[in-house]
mmCIF file of all heavy atoms, coordinates in Angstrom:
data_MODEL
# 
_entry.id   MODEL 
# 
loop_
_atom_site.group_PDB 
_atom_site.id 
_atom_site.type_symbol 
_atom_site.label_atom_id 
_atom_site.label_alt_id 
_atom_site.label_comp_id 
_atom_site.label_asym_id 
_atom_site.label_entity_id 
_atom_site.label_seq_id 
_atom_site.pdbx_PDB_ins_code 
_atom_site.Cartn_x 
_atom_site.Cartn_y 
_atom_site.Cartn_z 
_atom_site.occupancy 
_atom_site.B_iso_or_equiv 
_atom_site.pdbx_formal_charge 
_atom_site.auth_seq_id 
_atom_site.auth_comp_id 
_atom_site.auth_asym_id 
_atom_site.auth_atom_id 
_atom_site.pdbx_PDB_model_num 
ATOM 1   N N   . LEU A 1 1  ? -47.098 -96.248  24.207 1.00 0.00 ? 1  LEU A N   1 
ATOM 2   C CA  . LEU A 1 1  ? -46.267 -97.142  23.414 1.00 0.00 ? 1  LEU A CA  1 
ATOM 3   C C   . LEU A 1 1  ? -44.923 -96.724  23.026 1.00 0.00 ? 1  LEU A C   1 
ATOM 4   O O   . LEU A 1 1  ? -44.021 -97.474  23.164 1.00 0.00 ? 1  LEU A O   1 
ATOM 5   C CB  . LEU A 1 1  ? -47.061 -97.507  22.154 1.00 0.00 ? 1  LEU A CB  1 
ATOM 6   C CG  . LEU A 1 1  ? -48.278 -98.388  22.233 1.00 0.00 ? 1  LEU A CG  1 
ATOM 7   C CD1 . LEU A 1 1  ? -48.860 -98.497  20.761 1.00 0.00 ? 1  LEU A CD1 1 
ATOM 8   C CD2 . LEU A 1 1  ? -48.141 -99.587  22.937 1.00 0.00 ? 1  LEU A CD2 1 
ATOM 9   N N   . GLU A 1 2  ? -44.657 -95.470  22.932 1.00 0.00 ? 2  GLU A N   1 
ATOM 10  C CA  . GLU A 1 2  ? -43.340 -94.968  22.731 1.00 0.00 ? 2  GLU A CA  1 
ATOM 11  C C   . GLU A 1 2  ? -42.505 -94.989  23.948 1.00 0.00 ? 2  GLU A C   1 
ATOM 12  O O   . GLU A 1 2  ? -41.397 -95.310  23.915 1.00 0.00 ? 2  GLU A O   1 
ATOM 13  C CB  . GLU A 1 2  ? -43.450 -93.466  22.046 1.00 0.00 ? 2  GLU A CB  1 
ATOM 14  C CG  . GLU A 1 2  ? -43.861 -93.324  20.687 1.00 0.00 ? 2  GLU A CG  1 
ATOM 15  C CD  . GLU A 1 2  ? -44.112 -91.886  20.336 1.00 0.00 ? 2  GLU A CD  1 
ATOM 16  O OE1 . GLU A 1 2  ? -44.057 -90.956  21.218 1.00 0.00 ? 2  GLU A OE1 1 
ATOM 17  O OE2 . GLU A 1 2  ? -44.454 -91.772  19.118 1.00 0.00 ? 2  GLU A OE2 1 
ATOM 18  N N   . THR A 1 3  ? -43.156 -94.731  25.067 1.00 0.00 ? 3  THR A N   1 
ATOM 19  C CA  . THR A 1 3  ? -42.574 -94.851  26.308 1.00 0.00 ? 3  THR A CA  1 
ATOM 20  C C   . THR A 1 3  ? -42.140 -96.273  26.609 1.00 0.00 ? 3  THR A C   1 
ATOM 21  O O   . THR A 1 3  ? -40.988 -96.569  27.174 1.00 0.00 ? 3  THR A O   1 
ATOM 22  C CB  . THR A 1 3  ? -43.327 -94.221  27.462 1.00 0.00 ? 3  THR A CB  1 
ATOM 23  O OG1 . THR A 1 3  ? -43.738 -92.926  27.169 1.00 0.00 ? 3  THR A OG1 1 
ATOM 24  C CG2 . THR A 1 3  ? -42.662 -94.365  28.858 1.00 0.00 ? 3  THR A CG2 1 
ATOM 25  N N   . ILE A 1 4  ? -42.989 -97.199  26.317 1.00 0.00 ? 4  ILE A N   1 
ATOM 26  C CA  . ILE A 1 4  ? -42.715 -98.741  26.567 1.00 0.00 ? 4  ILE A CA  1 
ATOM 27  C C   . ILE A 1 4  ? -41.457 -99.150  25.665 1.00 0.00 ? 4  ILE A C   1 
ATOM 28  O O   . ILE A 1 4  ? -40.548 -99.759  26.092 1.00 0.00 ? 4  ILE A O   1 
ATOM 29  C CB  . ILE A 1 4  ? -43.874 -99.478  26.332 1.00 0.00 ? 4  ILE A CB  1 
ATOM 30  C CG1 . ILE A 1 4  ? -44.925 -99.330  27.490 1.00 0.00 ? 4  ILE A CG1 1 
ATOM 31  C CG2 . ILE A 1 4  ? -43.507 -101.010 26.208 1.00 0.00 ? 4  ILE A CG2 1 
ATOM 32  C CD1 . ILE A 1 4  ? -46.233 -99.867  27.080 1.00 0.00 ? 4  ILE A CD1 1 
ATOM 33  N N   . GLN A 1 5  ? -41.560 -98.611  24.409 1.00 0.00 ? 5  GLN A N   1 
ATOM 34  C CA  . GLN A 1 5  ? -40.489 -98.794  23.567 1.00 0.00 ? 5  GLN A CA  1 
ATOM 35  C C   . GLN A 1 5  ? -39.087 -98.354  23.945 1.00 0.00 ? 5  GLN A C   1 
ATOM 36  O O   . GLN A 1 5  ? -38.110 -99.127  23.943 1.00 0.00 ? 5  GLN A O   1 
ATOM 37  C CB  . GLN A 1 5  ? -40.784 -98.433  22.015 1.00 0.00 ? 5  GLN A CB  1 
ATOM 38  C CG  . GLN A 1 5  ? -39.646 -98.506  21.143 1.00 0.00 ? 5  GLN A CG  1 
ATOM 39  C CD  . GLN A 1 5  ? -39.842 -97.812  19.754 1.00 0.00 ? 5  GLN A CD  1 
ATOM 40  O OE1 . GLN A 1 5  ? -40.851 -96.955  19.724 1.00 0.00 ? 5  GLN A OE1 1 
ATOM 41  N NE2 . GLN A 1 5  ? -39.102 -98.120  18.748 1.00 0.00 ? 5  GLN A NE2 1 
ATOM 42  N N   . THR A 1 6  ? -39.086 -97.188  24.464 1.00 0.00 ? 6  THR A N   1 
ATOM 43  C CA  . THR A 1 6  ? -37.885 -96.595  24.992 1.00 0.00 ? 6  THR A CA  1 
ATOM 44  C C   . THR A 1 6  ? -37.378 -97.344  26.135 1.00 0.00 ? 6  THR A C   1 
ATOM 45  O O   . THR A 1 6  ? -36.173 -97.636  26.249 1.00 0.00 ? 6  THR A O   1 
ATOM 46  C CB  . THR A 1 6  ? -38.135 -95.076  25.338 1.00 0.00 ? 6  THR A CB  1 
ATOM 47  O OG1 . THR A 1 6  ? -38.653 -94.326  24.262 1.00 0.00 ? 6  THR A OG1 1 
ATOM 48  C CG2 . THR A 1 6  ? -36.922 -94.566  25.792 1.00 0.00 ? 6  THR A CG2 1 
ATOM 49  N N   . ASP A 1 7  ? -38.285 -97.754  27.068 1.00 0.00 ? 7  ASP A N   1 
ATOM 50  C CA  . ASP A 1 7  ? -37.865 -98.441  28.314 1.00 0.00 ? 7  ASP A CA  1 
ATOM 51  C C   . ASP A 1 7  ? -37.313 -99.793  27.970 1.00 0.00 ? 7  ASP A C   1 
ATOM 52  O O   . ASP A 1 7  ? -36.316 -100.274 28.438 1.00 0.00 ? 7  ASP A O   1 
ATOM 53  C CB  . ASP A 1 7  ? -39.087 -98.617  29.189 1.00 0.00 ? 7  ASP A CB  1 
ATOM 54  C CG  . ASP A 1 7  ? -39.481 -97.322  29.920 1.00 0.00 ? 7  ASP A CG  1 
ATOM 55  O OD1 . ASP A 1 7  ? -38.641 -96.310  29.803 1.00 0.00 ? 7  ASP A OD1 1 
ATOM 56  O OD2 . ASP A 1 7  ? -40.445 -97.205  30.388 1.00 0.00 ? 7  ASP A OD2 1 
ATOM 57  N N   . VAL A 1 8  ? -38.057 -100.635 26.987 1.00 0.00 ? 8  VAL A N   1 
ATOM 58  C CA  . VAL A 1 8  ? -37.652 -101.834 26.518 1.00 0.00 ? 8  VAL A CA  1 
ATOM 59  C C   . VAL A 1 8  ? -36.160 -101.814 25.900 1.00 0.00 ? 8  VAL A C   1 
ATOM 60  O O   . VAL A 1 8  ? -35.203 -102.616 26.210 1.00 0.00 ? 8  VAL A O   1 
ATOM 61  C CB  . VAL A 1 8  ? -38.594 -102.554 25.711 1.00 0.00 ? 8  VAL A CB  1 
ATOM 62  C CG1 . VAL A 1 8  ? -38.009 -103.780 25.063 1.00 0.00 ? 8  VAL A CG1 1 
ATOM 63  C CG2 . VAL A 1 8  ? -39.902 -102.826 26.478 1.00 0.00 ? 8  VAL A CG2 1 
ATOM 64  N N   . ILE A 1 9  ? -35.909 -100.827 25.049 1.00 0.00 ? 9  ILE A N   1 
ATOM 65  C CA  . ILE A 1 9  ? -34.683 -100.648 24.345 1.00 0.00 ? 9  ILE A CA  1 
ATOM 66  C C   . ILE A 1 9  ? -33.559 -100.283 25.365 1.00 0.00 ? 9  ILE A C   1 
ATOM 67  O O   . ILE A 1 9  ? -32.458 -100.807 25.298 1.00 0.00 ? 9  ILE A O   1 
ATOM 68  C CB  . ILE A 1 9  ? -34.832 -99.621  23.323 1.00 0.00 ? 9  ILE A CB  1 
ATOM 69  C CG1 . ILE A 1 9  ? -35.582 -100.211 22.112 1.00 0.00 ? 9  ILE A CG1 1 
ATOM 70  C CG2 . ILE A 1 9  ? -33.367 -99.254  22.757 1.00 0.00 ? 9  ILE A CG2 1 
ATOM 71  C CD1 . ILE A 1 9  ? -36.047 -99.180  21.020 1.00 0.00 ? 9  ILE A CD1 1 
ATOM 72  N N   . SER A 1 10 ? -33.985 -99.451  26.303 1.00 0.00 ? 10 SER A N   1 
ATOM 73  C CA  . SER A 1 10 ? -32.974 -99.163  27.389 1.00 0.00 ? 10 SER A CA  1 
ATOM 74  C C   . SER A 1 10 ? -32.654 -100.389 28.249 1.00 0.00 ? 10 SER A C   1 
ATOM 75  O O   . SER A 1 10 ? -31.302 -100.649 28.535 1.00 0.00 ? 10 SER A O   1 
ATOM 76  C CB  . SER A 1 10 ? -33.515 -98.229  28.356 1.00 0.00 ? 10 SER A CB  1 
ATOM 77  O OG  . SER A 1 10 ? -32.748 -97.921  29.421 1.00 0.00 ? 10 SER A OG  1 
ATOM 78  N N   . MET A 1 11 ? -33.558 -101.262 28.635 1.00 0.00 ? 11 MET A N   1 
ATOM 79  C CA  . MET A 1 11 ? -33.311 -102.440 29.398 1.00 0.00 ? 11 MET A CA  1 
ATOM 80  C C   . MET A 1 11 ? -32.386 -103.446 28.466 1.00 0.00 ? 11 MET A C   1 
ATOM 81  O O   . MET A 1 11 ? -31.486 -104.197 28.968 1.00 0.00 ? 11 MET A O   1 
ATOM 82  C CB  . MET A 1 11 ? -34.574 -103.135 29.808 1.00 0.00 ? 11 MET A CB  1 
ATOM 83  C CG  . MET A 1 11 ? -35.283 -102.534 30.812 1.00 0.00 ? 11 MET A CG  1 
ATOM 84  S SD  . MET A 1 11 ? -36.694 -103.437 31.644 1.00 0.00 ? 11 MET A SD  1 
ATOM 85  C CE  . MET A 1 11 ? -37.939 -102.928 30.488 1.00 0.00 ? 11 MET A CE  1 
ATOM 86  N N   . ILE A 1 12 ? -32.719 -103.663 27.175 1.00 0.00 ? 12 ILE A N   1 
ATOM 87  C CA  . ILE A 1 12 ? -32.021 -104.467 26.327 1.00 0.00 ? 12 ILE A CA  1 
ATOM 88  C C   . ILE A 1 12 ? -30.603 -104.091 26.179 1.00 0.00 ? 12 ILE A C   1 
ATOM 89  O O   . ILE A 1 12 ? -29.563 -104.843 26.321 1.00 0.00 ? 12 ILE A O   1 
ATOM 90  C CB  . ILE A 1 12 ? -32.648 -104.552 24.996 1.00 0.00 ? 12 ILE A CB  1 
ATOM 91  C CG1 . ILE A 1 12 ? -33.896 -105.404 25.072 1.00 0.00 ? 12 ILE A CG1 1 
ATOM 92  C CG2 . ILE A 1 12 ? -31.670 -105.212 23.973 1.00 0.00 ? 12 ILE A CG2 1 
ATOM 93  C CD1 . ILE A 1 12 ? -34.794 -105.511 23.759 1.00 0.00 ? 12 ILE A CD1 1 
ATOM 94  N N   . THR A 1 13 ? -30.291 -102.712 25.981 1.00 0.00 ? 13 THR A N   1 
ATOM 95  C CA  . THR A 1 13 ? -28.969 -102.231 25.935 1.00 0.00 ? 13 THR A CA  1 
ATOM 96  C C   . THR A 1 13 ? -28.105 -102.330 27.139 1.00 0.00 ? 13 THR A C   1 
ATOM 97  O O   . THR A 1 13 ? -26.888 -102.394 27.151 1.00 0.00 ? 13 THR A O   1 
ATOM 98  C CB  . THR A 1 13 ? -28.940 -100.772 25.379 1.00 0.00 ? 13 THR A CB  1 
ATOM 99  O OG1 . THR A 1 13 ? -29.613 -100.004 26.294 1.00 0.00 ? 13 THR A OG1 1 
ATOM 100 C CG2 . THR A 1 13 ? -29.544 -100.658 23.941 1.00 0.00 ? 13 THR A CG2 1 
ATOM 101 N N   . THR A 1 14 ? -28.888 -102.395 28.295 1.00 0.00 ? 14 THR A N   1 
ATOM 102 C CA  . THR A 1 14 ? -28.217 -102.494 29.519 1.00 0.00 ? 14 THR A CA  1 
ATOM 103 C C   . THR A 1 14 ? -27.742 -103.979 29.742 1.00 0.00 ? 14 THR A C   1 
ATOM 104 O O   . THR A 1 14 ? -26.699 -104.375 30.247 1.00 0.00 ? 14 THR A O   1 
ATOM 105 C CB  . THR A 1 14 ? -29.133 -102.136 30.689 1.00 0.00 ? 14 THR A CB  1 
ATOM 106 O OG1 . THR A 1 14 ? -29.375 -100.809 30.567 1.00 0.00 ? 14 THR A OG1 1 
ATOM 107 C CG2 . THR A 1 14 ? -28.429 -102.319 32.076 1.00 0.00 ? 14 THR A CG2 1 
ATOM 108 N N   . ALA A 1 15 ? -28.703 -104.954 29.425 1.00 0.00 ? 15 ALA A N   1 
ATOM 109 C CA  . ALA A 1 15 ? -28.527 -106.360 29.736 1.00 0.00 ? 15 ALA A CA  1 
ATOM 110 C C   . ALA A 1 15 ? -27.639 -107.055 28.569 1.00 0.00 ? 15 ALA A C   1 
ATOM 111 O O   . ALA A 1 15 ? -27.000 -108.100 28.952 1.00 0.00 ? 15 ALA A O   1 
ATOM 112 C CB  . ALA A 1 15 ? -29.952 -107.041 29.788 1.00 0.00 ? 15 ALA A CB  1 
ATOM 113 N N   . LEU A 1 16 ? -27.708 -106.518 27.391 1.00 0.00 ? 16 LEU A N   1 
ATOM 114 C CA  . LEU A 1 16 ? -27.020 -107.277 26.333 1.00 0.00 ? 16 LEU A CA  1 
ATOM 115 C C   . LEU A 1 16 ? -25.495 -107.426 26.527 1.00 0.00 ? 16 LEU A C   1 
ATOM 116 O O   . LEU A 1 16 ? -24.991 -108.633 26.322 1.00 0.00 ? 16 LEU A O   1 
ATOM 117 C CB  . LEU A 1 16 ? -27.410 -106.543 24.940 1.00 0.00 ? 16 LEU A CB  1 
ATOM 118 C CG  . LEU A 1 16 ? -26.874 -107.300 23.758 1.00 0.00 ? 16 LEU A CG  1 
ATOM 119 C CD1 . LEU A 1 16 ? -27.518 -108.632 23.622 1.00 0.00 ? 16 LEU A CD1 1 
ATOM 120 C CD2 . LEU A 1 16 ? -27.092 -106.460 22.609 1.00 0.00 ? 16 LEU A CD2 1 
ATOM 121 N N   . PRO A 1 17 ? -24.779 -106.384 26.985 1.00 0.00 ? 17 PRO A N   1 
ATOM 122 C CA  . PRO A 1 17 ? -23.384 -106.759 27.085 1.00 0.00 ? 17 PRO A CA  1 
ATOM 123 C C   . PRO A 1 17 ? -23.071 -107.763 28.173 1.00 0.00 ? 17 PRO A C   1 
ATOM 124 O O   . PRO A 1 17 ? -22.158 -108.506 28.026 1.00 0.00 ? 17 PRO A O   1 
ATOM 125 C CB  . PRO A 1 17 ? -22.762 -105.317 27.511 1.00 0.00 ? 17 PRO A CB  1 
ATOM 126 C CG  . PRO A 1 17 ? -23.726 -104.340 27.037 1.00 0.00 ? 17 PRO A CG  1 
ATOM 127 C CD  . PRO A 1 17 ? -25.170 -105.027 27.161 1.00 0.00 ? 17 PRO A CD  1 
ATOM 128 N N   . ILE A 1 18 ? -23.796 -107.719 29.048 1.00 0.00 ? 18 ILE A N   1 
ATOM 129 C CA  . ILE A 1 18 ? -23.628 -108.657 30.221 1.00 0.00 ? 18 ILE A CA  1 
ATOM 130 C C   . ILE A 1 18 ? -23.947 -110.184 29.800 1.00 0.00 ? 18 ILE A C   1 
ATOM 131 O O   . ILE A 1 18 ? -23.240 -111.014 30.056 1.00 0.00 ? 18 ILE A O   1 
ATOM 132 C CB  . ILE A 1 18 ? -24.575 -108.321 31.621 1.00 0.00 ? 18 ILE A CB  1 
ATOM 133 C CG1 . ILE A 1 18 ? -24.031 -106.999 32.043 1.00 0.00 ? 18 ILE A CG1 1 
ATOM 134 C CG2 . ILE A 1 18 ? -24.433 -109.458 32.690 1.00 0.00 ? 18 ILE A CG2 1 
ATOM 135 C CD1 . ILE A 1 18 ? -25.026 -106.259 33.066 1.00 0.00 ? 18 ILE A CD1 1 
ATOM 136 N N   . ALA A 1 19 ? -25.048 -110.231 29.055 1.00 0.00 ? 19 ALA A N   1 
ATOM 137 C CA  . ALA A 1 19 ? -25.509 -111.525 28.476 1.00 0.00 ? 19 ALA A CA  1 
ATOM 138 C C   . ALA A 1 19 ? -24.514 -112.004 27.550 1.00 0.00 ? 19 ALA A C   1 
ATOM 139 O O   . ALA A 1 19 ? -24.112 -113.264 27.516 1.00 0.00 ? 19 ALA A O   1 
ATOM 140 C CB  . ALA A 1 19 ? -26.823 -111.410 27.953 1.00 0.00 ? 19 ALA A CB  1 
ATOM 141 N N   . LEU A 1 20 ? -23.891 -111.220 26.655 1.00 0.00 ? 20 LEU A N   1 
ATOM 142 C CA  . LEU A 1 20 ? -22.872 -111.643 25.743 1.00 0.00 ? 20 LEU A CA  1 
ATOM 143 C C   . LEU A 1 20 ? -21.680 -112.119 26.416 1.00 0.00 ? 20 LEU A C   1 
ATOM 144 O O   . LEU A 1 20 ? -20.964 -113.050 25.978 1.00 0.00 ? 20 LEU A O   1 
ATOM 145 C CB  . LEU A 1 20 ? -22.575 -110.412 24.725 1.00 0.00 ? 20 LEU A CB  1 
ATOM 146 C CG  . LEU A 1 20 ? -23.708 -110.226 23.757 1.00 0.00 ? 20 LEU A CG  1 
ATOM 147 C CD1 . LEU A 1 20 ? -23.353 -109.062 22.848 1.00 0.00 ? 20 LEU A CD1 1 
ATOM 148 C CD2 . LEU A 1 20 ? -23.958 -111.434 22.935 1.00 0.00 ? 20 LEU A CD2 1 
ATOM 149 N N   . ALA A 1 21 ? -21.258 -111.414 27.453 1.00 0.00 ? 21 ALA A N   1 
ATOM 150 C CA  . ALA A 1 21 ? -20.101 -111.839 28.249 1.00 0.00 ? 21 ALA A CA  1 
ATOM 151 C C   . ALA A 1 21 ? -20.238 -113.150 28.895 1.00 0.00 ? 21 ALA A C   1 
ATOM 152 O O   . ALA A 1 21 ? -19.304 -114.017 28.842 1.00 0.00 ? 21 ALA A O   1 
ATOM 153 C CB  . ALA A 1 21 ? -19.767 -110.762 29.335 1.00 0.00 ? 21 ALA A CB  1 
ATOM 154 N N   . ILE A 1 22 ? -21.425 -113.406 29.483 1.00 0.00 ? 22 ILE A N   1 
ATOM 155 C CA  . ILE A 1 22 ? -21.628 -114.766 30.128 1.00 0.00 ? 22 ILE A CA  1 
ATOM 156 C C   . ILE A 1 22 ? -21.809 -115.814 28.976 1.00 0.00 ? 22 ILE A C   1 
ATOM 157 O O   . ILE A 1 22 ? -21.158 -116.915 29.174 1.00 0.00 ? 22 ILE A O   1 
ATOM 158 C CB  . ILE A 1 22 ? -22.928 -114.573 30.986 1.00 0.00 ? 22 ILE A CB  1 
ATOM 159 C CG1 . ILE A 1 22 ? -22.905 -113.710 32.094 1.00 0.00 ? 22 ILE A CG1 1 
ATOM 160 C CG2 . ILE A 1 22 ? -23.443 -115.967 31.297 1.00 0.00 ? 22 ILE A CG2 1 
ATOM 161 C CD1 . ILE A 1 22 ? -24.112 -113.385 32.802 1.00 0.00 ? 22 ILE A CD1 1 
ATOM 162 N N   . LEU A 1 23 ? -22.409 -115.542 27.878 1.00 0.00 ? 23 LEU A N   1 
ATOM 163 C CA  . LEU A 1 23 ? -22.427 -116.558 26.787 1.00 0.00 ? 23 LEU A CA  1 
ATOM 164 C C   . LEU A 1 23 ? -21.019 -116.820 26.278 1.00 0.00 ? 23 LEU A C   1 
ATOM 165 O O   . LEU A 1 23 ? -20.604 -117.932 25.993 1.00 0.00 ? 23 LEU A O   1 
ATOM 166 C CB  . LEU A 1 23 ? -23.328 -116.004 25.714 1.00 0.00 ? 23 LEU A CB  1 
ATOM 167 C CG  . LEU A 1 23 ? -23.485 -116.898 24.524 1.00 0.00 ? 23 LEU A CG  1 
ATOM 168 C CD1 . LEU A 1 23 ? -24.146 -118.227 24.901 1.00 0.00 ? 23 LEU A CD1 1 
ATOM 169 C CD2 . LEU A 1 23 ? -24.296 -116.166 23.484 1.00 0.00 ? 23 LEU A CD2 1 
ATOM 170 N N   . GLY A 1 24 ? -20.183 -115.782 26.094 1.00 0.00 ? 24 GLY A N   1 
ATOM 171 C CA  . GLY A 1 24 ? -18.816 -115.979 25.676 1.00 0.00 ? 24 GLY A CA  1 
ATOM 172 C C   . GLY A 1 24 ? -17.941 -116.821 26.637 1.00 0.00 ? 24 GLY A C   1 
ATOM 173 O O   . GLY A 1 24 ? -17.146 -117.635 26.265 1.00 0.00 ? 24 GLY A O   1 
ATOM 174 N N   . ILE A 1 25 ? -18.200 -116.726 27.865 1.00 0.00 ? 25 ILE A N   1 
ATOM 175 C CA  . ILE A 1 25 ? -17.471 -117.521 28.824 1.00 0.00 ? 25 ILE A CA  1 
ATOM 176 C C   . ILE A 1 25 ? -17.902 -118.936 28.865 1.00 0.00 ? 25 ILE A C   1 
ATOM 177 O O   . ILE A 1 25 ? -17.089 -119.766 28.839 1.00 0.00 ? 25 ILE A O   1 
ATOM 178 C CB  . ILE A 1 25 ? -17.742 -116.915 30.398 1.00 0.00 ? 25 ILE A CB  1 
ATOM 179 C CG1 . ILE A 1 25 ? -17.065 -115.598 30.550 1.00 0.00 ? 25 ILE A CG1 1 
ATOM 180 C CG2 . ILE A 1 25 ? -17.252 -117.944 31.453 1.00 0.00 ? 25 ILE A CG2 1 
ATOM 181 C CD1 . ILE A 1 25 ? -17.536 -114.843 31.881 1.00 0.00 ? 25 ILE A CD1 1 
ATOM 182 N N   . PHE A 1 26 ? -19.210 -119.194 28.632 1.00 0.00 ? 26 PHE A N   1 
ATOM 183 C CA  . PHE A 1 26 ? -19.587 -120.536 28.537 1.00 0.00 ? 26 PHE A CA  1 
ATOM 184 C C   . PHE A 1 26 ? -18.971 -121.310 27.219 1.00 0.00 ? 26 PHE A C   1 
ATOM 185 O O   . PHE A 1 26 ? -18.723 -122.347 27.163 1.00 0.00 ? 26 PHE A O   1 
ATOM 186 C CB  . PHE A 1 26 ? -21.206 -120.694 28.611 1.00 0.00 ? 26 PHE A CB  1 
ATOM 187 C CG  . PHE A 1 26 ? -21.748 -120.588 29.957 1.00 0.00 ? 26 PHE A CG  1 
ATOM 188 C CD1 . PHE A 1 26 ? -22.603 -119.533 30.342 1.00 0.00 ? 26 PHE A CD1 1 
ATOM 189 C CD2 . PHE A 1 26 ? -21.419 -121.527 30.921 1.00 0.00 ? 26 PHE A CD2 1 
ATOM 190 C CE1 . PHE A 1 26 ? -23.144 -119.349 31.595 1.00 0.00 ? 26 PHE A CE1 1 
ATOM 191 C CE2 . PHE A 1 26 ? -21.938 -121.458 32.172 1.00 0.00 ? 26 PHE A CE2 1 
ATOM 192 C CZ  . PHE A 1 26 ? -22.797 -120.360 32.576 1.00 0.00 ? 26 PHE A CZ  1 
ATOM 193 N N   . ILE A 1 27 ? -19.127 -120.450 26.170 1.00 0.00 ? 27 ILE A N   1 
ATOM 194 C CA  . ILE A 1 27 ? -18.570 -120.999 24.918 1.00 0.00 ? 27 ILE A CA  1 
ATOM 195 C C   . ILE A 1 27 ? -17.129 -121.310 25.023 1.00 0.00 ? 27 ILE A C   1 
ATOM 196 O O   . ILE A 1 27 ? -16.523 -122.281 24.491 1.00 0.00 ? 27 ILE A O   1 
ATOM 197 C CB  . ILE A 1 27 ? -18.881 -120.037 23.736 1.00 0.00 ? 27 ILE A CB  1 
ATOM 198 C CG1 . ILE A 1 27 ? -20.289 -120.019 23.431 1.00 0.00 ? 27 ILE A CG1 1 
ATOM 199 C CG2 . ILE A 1 27 ? -18.066 -120.359 22.513 1.00 0.00 ? 27 ILE A CG2 1 
ATOM 200 C CD1 . ILE A 1 27 ? -20.643 -118.968 22.362 1.00 0.00 ? 27 ILE A CD1 1 
ATOM 201 N N   . ALA A 1 28 ? -16.252 -120.350 25.709 1.00 0.00 ? 28 ALA A N   1 
ATOM 202 C CA  . ALA A 1 28 ? -14.861 -120.548 25.736 1.00 0.00 ? 28 ALA A CA  1 
ATOM 203 C C   . ALA A 1 28 ? -14.656 -121.745 26.629 1.00 0.00 ? 28 ALA A C   1 
ATOM 204 O O   . ALA A 1 28 ? -13.721 -122.664 26.435 1.00 0.00 ? 28 ALA A O   1 
ATOM 205 C CB  . ALA A 1 28 ? -14.306 -119.312 26.313 1.00 0.00 ? 28 ALA A CB  1 
ATOM 206 N N   . ILE A 1 29 ? -15.311 -121.954 27.696 1.00 0.00 ? 29 ILE A N   1 
ATOM 207 C CA  . ILE A 1 29 ? -15.212 -123.148 28.576 1.00 0.00 ? 29 ILE A CA  1 
ATOM 208 C C   . ILE A 1 29 ? -15.511 -124.339 27.724 1.00 0.00 ? 29 ILE A C   1 
ATOM 209 O O   . ILE A 1 29 ? -14.820 -125.328 27.720 1.00 0.00 ? 29 ILE A O   1 
ATOM 210 C CB  . ILE A 1 29 ? -16.146 -123.152 29.801 1.00 0.00 ? 29 ILE A CB  1 
ATOM 211 C CG1 . ILE A 1 29 ? -15.534 -121.951 30.728 1.00 0.00 ? 29 ILE A CG1 1 
ATOM 212 C CG2 . ILE A 1 29 ? -16.192 -124.412 30.572 1.00 0.00 ? 29 ILE A CG2 1 
ATOM 213 C CD1 . ILE A 1 29 ? -16.504 -121.633 31.949 1.00 0.00 ? 29 ILE A CD1 1 
# 
């Protein structure tokens, strides 16, 4: 469970900046 938690947090921290940038572009448009 600790390994799964670490992997999920790692994936989220990788994807979050990209998702926020895409969301920001759509809001700006």
